[in-house]
Amino acid sequence: MTKDNFNRFVTIGATLSVIGFILLFFSTNFGTSMADNWLMKQGGADPAMFHIRIESYINNFVVSGGILFGIGLFTLILTYFIKIIYTKEY
């Protein structure tokens, strides 16, 4: 693995991890904001339906954040181990 490829993979992994982390921990804010936008577009709705929308938007952000965070960590760990294997530094 060349140094250029190593830096590229570390950058991609770190970026995905940070984006996933942000989506995970701010999912409540993002989900509530999107549900508020939906409510304004509707002009009003049943409170039970609004609650369902909030939960579904929050769950969407939690799942997508978890996936991105997991892929980012996997990329970083895999890059580290490939670097160790190719440089023979134990």
N, C-alpha and C. Protein backbone atom coordinates (compact mmCIF):
# COMPACT_ATOMS: atom_id res chain seq x y z
N MET A 1 0.85 -1.17 0.00
CA MET A 1 0.00 0.00 0.00
C MET A 1 0.90 1.23 0.00
N THR A 2 0.67 2.09 -0.97
CA THR A 2 1.48 3.30 -1.05
C THR A 2 1.01 4.30 0.00
N LYS A 3 1.86 5.27 0.25
CA LYS A 3 1.53 6.28 1.23
C LYS A 3 0.32 7.10 0.79
N ASP A 4 0.19 7.32 -0.52
CA ASP A 4 -0.94 8.07 -1.07
C ASP A 4 -2.26 7.32 -0.82
N ASN A 5 -2.24 6.02 -1.09
CA ASN A 5 -3.45 5.21 -0.85
C ASN A 5 -3.78 5.13 0.63
N PHE A 6 -2.76 5.01 1.45
CA PHE A 6 -2.97 4.94 2.90
C PHE A 6 -3.64 6.22 3.40
N ASN A 7 -3.14 7.36 2.97
CA ASN A 7 -3.73 8.64 3.39
C ASN A 7 -5.16 8.78 2.89
N ARG A 8 -5.41 8.30 1.67
CA ARG A 8 -6.75 8.38 1.10
C ARG A 8 -7.73 7.54 1.91
N PHE A 9 -7.34 6.31 2.26
CA PHE A 9 -8.22 5.45 3.04
C PHE A 9 -8.45 5.98 4.45
N VAL A 10 -7.42 6.53 5.07
CA VAL A 10 -7.58 7.11 6.40
C VAL A 10 -8.52 8.31 6.35
N THR A 11 -8.40 9.13 5.32
CA THR A 11 -9.28 10.29 5.17
C THR A 11 -10.73 9.86 4.98
N ILE A 12 -10.95 8.87 4.12
CA ILE A 12 -12.31 8.38 3.87
C ILE A 12 -12.89 7.77 5.14
N GLY A 13 -12.11 6.95 5.83
CA GLY A 13 -12.59 6.32 7.06
C GLY A 13 -12.90 7.32 8.14
N ALA A 14 -12.03 8.31 8.31
CA ALA A 14 -12.26 9.32 9.34
C ALA A 14 -13.48 10.17 9.01
N THR A 15 -13.64 10.53 7.74
CA THR A 15 -14.78 11.34 7.34
C THR A 15 -16.09 10.59 7.57
N LEU A 16 -16.14 9.33 7.16
CA LEU A 16 -17.36 8.54 7.37
C LEU A 16 -17.66 8.36 8.85
N SER A 17 -16.63 8.15 9.65
CA SER A 17 -16.83 7.99 11.09
C SER A 17 -17.37 9.26 11.73
N VAL A 18 -16.83 10.39 11.34
CA VAL A 18 -17.29 11.66 11.92
C VAL A 18 -18.73 11.96 11.50
N ILE A 19 -19.04 11.74 10.23
CA ILE A 19 -20.42 11.97 9.77
C ILE A 19 -21.38 11.04 10.49
N GLY A 20 -21.01 9.77 10.62
CA GLY A 20 -21.85 8.82 11.34
C GLY A 20 -22.03 9.18 12.79
N PHE A 21 -20.96 9.63 13.43
CA PHE A 21 -21.02 10.05 14.82
C PHE A 21 -21.98 11.23 15.00
N ILE A 22 -21.88 12.19 14.10
CA ILE A 22 -22.77 13.36 14.17
C ILE A 22 -24.22 12.94 13.97
N LEU A 23 -24.48 12.08 12.99
CA LEU A 23 -25.84 11.62 12.75
C LEU A 23 -26.39 10.84 13.94
N LEU A 24 -25.55 10.05 14.59
CA LEU A 24 -26.00 9.28 15.75
C LEU A 24 -26.39 10.18 16.92
N PHE A 25 -25.54 11.11 17.25
CA PHE A 25 -25.77 11.89 18.46
C PHE A 25 -26.68 13.10 18.28
N PHE A 26 -26.90 13.52 17.05
CA PHE A 26 -27.82 14.62 16.81
C PHE A 26 -29.07 14.15 16.08
N SER A 27 -29.33 12.85 16.10
CA SER A 27 -30.49 12.31 15.39
C SER A 27 -31.80 12.87 15.94
N THR A 28 -31.86 13.14 17.22
CA THR A 28 -33.08 13.70 17.81
C THR A 28 -33.36 15.08 17.26
N ASN A 29 -32.33 15.90 17.19
CA ASN A 29 -32.51 17.25 16.65
C ASN A 29 -32.89 17.22 15.18
N PHE A 30 -32.19 16.39 14.40
CA PHE A 30 -32.48 16.30 12.98
C PHE A 30 -33.87 15.73 12.72
N GLY A 31 -34.24 14.68 13.46
CA GLY A 31 -35.54 14.06 13.27
C GLY A 31 -36.69 14.98 13.65
N THR A 32 -36.54 15.68 14.75
CA THR A 32 -37.58 16.63 15.17
C THR A 32 -37.71 17.77 14.18
N SER A 33 -36.60 18.25 13.67
CA SER A 33 -36.63 19.33 12.69
C SER A 33 -37.34 18.89 11.41
N MET A 34 -37.05 17.69 10.95
CA MET A 34 -37.70 17.20 9.74
C MET A 34 -39.20 16.97 9.96
N ALA A 35 -39.56 16.48 11.15
CA ALA A 35 -40.98 16.28 11.45
C ALA A 35 -41.71 17.63 11.55
N ASP A 36 -41.05 18.64 12.10
CA ASP A 36 -41.64 19.98 12.13
C ASP A 36 -41.87 20.53 10.74
N ASN A 37 -40.90 20.31 9.84
CA ASN A 37 -41.07 20.73 8.45
C ASN A 37 -42.25 20.01 7.80
N TRP A 38 -42.37 18.71 8.06
CA TRP A 38 -43.49 17.94 7.53
C TRP A 38 -44.82 18.50 8.04
N LEU A 39 -44.87 18.83 9.33
CA LEU A 39 -46.09 19.37 9.93
C LEU A 39 -46.46 20.73 9.32
N MET A 40 -45.45 21.56 9.07
CA MET A 40 -45.74 22.86 8.46
C MET A 40 -46.26 22.69 7.04
N LYS A 41 -45.71 21.74 6.29
CA LYS A 41 -46.20 21.50 4.93
C LYS A 41 -47.62 20.96 4.92
N GLN A 42 -47.95 20.14 5.93
CA GLN A 42 -49.29 19.57 6.03
C GLN A 42 -50.30 20.62 6.48
N GLY A 43 -49.86 21.57 7.25
CA GLY A 43 -50.76 22.58 7.78
C GLY A 43 -51.43 22.13 9.07
N GLY A 44 -51.04 21.01 9.58
CA GLY A 44 -51.60 20.47 10.81
C GLY A 44 -51.83 18.98 10.65
N ALA A 45 -51.79 18.26 11.76
CA ALA A 45 -51.99 16.82 11.70
C ALA A 45 -52.35 16.31 13.09
N ASP A 46 -52.77 15.07 13.13
CA ASP A 46 -53.09 14.40 14.38
C ASP A 46 -51.81 14.26 15.20
N PRO A 47 -51.87 14.50 16.52
CA PRO A 47 -50.66 14.39 17.35
C PRO A 47 -50.03 12.99 17.32
N ALA A 48 -50.84 11.96 17.19
CA ALA A 48 -50.29 10.60 17.13
C ALA A 48 -49.49 10.41 15.84
N MET A 49 -49.99 10.95 14.75
CA MET A 49 -49.28 10.85 13.48
C MET A 49 -47.98 11.64 13.53
N PHE A 50 -48.02 12.81 14.16
CA PHE A 50 -46.80 13.62 14.31
C PHE A 50 -45.77 12.87 15.14
N HIS A 51 -46.20 12.21 16.19
CA HIS A 51 -45.29 11.44 17.03
C HIS A 51 -44.67 10.28 16.24
N ILE A 52 -45.46 9.64 15.41
CA ILE A 52 -44.94 8.55 14.57
C ILE A 52 -43.90 9.09 13.60
N ARG A 53 -44.16 10.25 13.02
CA ARG A 53 -43.20 10.88 12.10
C ARG A 53 -41.89 11.20 12.81
N ILE A 54 -41.98 11.76 14.00
CA ILE A 54 -40.76 12.09 14.76
C ILE A 54 -39.94 10.84 15.00
N GLU A 55 -40.59 9.78 15.48
CA GLU A 55 -39.87 8.53 15.77
C GLU A 55 -39.25 7.92 14.52
N SER A 56 -39.98 7.97 13.42
CA SER A 56 -39.44 7.36 12.19
C SER A 56 -38.25 8.16 11.65
N TYR A 57 -38.33 9.48 11.70
CA TYR A 57 -37.19 10.28 11.24
C TYR A 57 -35.98 10.08 12.15
N ILE A 58 -36.20 10.02 13.45
CA ILE A 58 -35.08 9.78 14.38
C ILE A 58 -34.46 8.42 14.11
N ASN A 59 -35.30 7.40 13.92
CA ASN A 59 -34.78 6.06 13.64
C ASN A 59 -33.99 6.03 12.33
N ASN A 60 -34.45 6.77 11.33
CA ASN A 60 -33.72 6.83 10.06
C ASN A 60 -32.31 7.40 10.26
N PHE A 61 -32.22 8.46 11.05
CA PHE A 61 -30.91 9.06 11.30
C PHE A 61 -30.02 8.17 12.15
N VAL A 62 -30.61 7.46 13.11
CA VAL A 62 -29.82 6.56 13.95
C VAL A 62 -29.26 5.41 13.11
N VAL A 63 -30.08 4.84 12.26
CA VAL A 63 -29.64 3.71 11.43
C VAL A 63 -28.58 4.16 10.44
N SER A 64 -28.83 5.26 9.73
CA SER A 64 -27.85 5.72 8.74
C SER A 64 -26.55 6.16 9.42
N GLY A 65 -26.65 6.79 10.58
CA GLY A 65 -25.44 7.16 11.31
C GLY A 65 -24.66 5.95 11.79
N GLY A 66 -25.38 4.93 12.26
CA GLY A 66 -24.70 3.71 12.69
C GLY A 66 -24.00 3.00 11.55
N ILE A 67 -24.65 2.97 10.40
CA ILE A 67 -24.03 2.33 9.23
C ILE A 67 -22.78 3.10 8.80
N LEU A 68 -22.88 4.41 8.70
CA LEU A 68 -21.72 5.20 8.29
C LEU A 68 -20.58 5.12 9.31
N PHE A 69 -20.93 5.16 10.59
CA PHE A 69 -19.91 5.05 11.64
C PHE A 69 -19.22 3.69 11.59
N GLY A 70 -20.01 2.64 11.39
CA GLY A 70 -19.44 1.29 11.31
C GLY A 70 -18.54 1.12 10.10
N ILE A 71 -18.97 1.61 8.94
CA ILE A 71 -18.14 1.51 7.74
C ILE A 71 -16.86 2.31 7.91
N GLY A 72 -16.95 3.49 8.52
CA GLY A 72 -15.77 4.30 8.74
C GLY A 72 -14.77 3.63 9.67
N LEU A 73 -15.26 3.07 10.77
CA LEU A 73 -14.35 2.37 11.69
C LEU A 73 -13.75 1.13 11.04
N PHE A 74 -14.57 0.39 10.29
CA PHE A 74 -14.07 -0.79 9.59
C PHE A 74 -12.98 -0.41 8.60
N THR A 75 -13.17 0.68 7.88
CA THR A 75 -12.16 1.15 6.93
C THR A 75 -10.87 1.53 7.64
N LEU A 76 -10.98 2.22 8.76
CA LEU A 76 -9.78 2.61 9.50
C LEU A 76 -9.03 1.41 10.05
N ILE A 77 -9.76 0.46 10.62
CA ILE A 77 -9.13 -0.73 11.19
C ILE A 77 -8.49 -1.58 10.10
N LEU A 78 -9.21 -1.77 8.99
CA LEU A 78 -8.67 -2.55 7.88
C LEU A 78 -7.43 -1.89 7.29
N THR A 79 -7.45 -0.59 7.16
CA THR A 79 -6.29 0.14 6.64
C THR A 79 -5.09 -0.02 7.56
N TYR A 80 -5.34 0.03 8.85
CA TYR A 80 -4.25 -0.13 9.82
C TYR A 80 -3.63 -1.52 9.72
N PHE A 81 -4.47 -2.55 9.65
CA PHE A 81 -3.93 -3.91 9.58
C PHE A 81 -3.25 -4.20 8.25
N ILE A 82 -3.75 -3.66 7.17
CA ILE A 82 -3.08 -3.83 5.88
C ILE A 82 -1.72 -3.13 5.90
N LYS A 83 -1.66 -1.97 6.51
CA LYS A 83 -0.40 -1.25 6.64
C LYS A 83 0.61 -2.07 7.44
N ILE A 84 0.15 -2.70 8.51
CA ILE A 84 1.03 -3.54 9.33
C ILE A 84 1.53 -4.74 8.52
N ILE A 85 0.63 -5.36 7.77
CA ILE A 85 1.03 -6.54 7.00
C ILE A 85 2.05 -6.19 5.93
N TYR A 86 1.84 -5.08 5.23
CA TYR A 86 2.74 -4.72 4.15
C TYR A 86 4.08 -4.18 4.64
N THR A 87 4.12 -3.59 5.81
CA THR A 87 5.39 -3.06 6.29
C THR A 87 6.13 -4.04 7.19
N LYS A 88 5.47 -5.13 7.57
CA LYS A 88 6.06 -6.17 8.42
C LYS A 88 6.53 -5.64 9.76
N GLU A 89 5.85 -4.62 10.28
CA GLU A 89 6.16 -4.07 11.61
C GLU A 89 5.19 -4.64 12.61
N TYR A 90 5.66 -5.48 13.45
CA TYR A 90 4.77 -6.08 14.46
C TYR A 90 5.01 -5.43 15.75
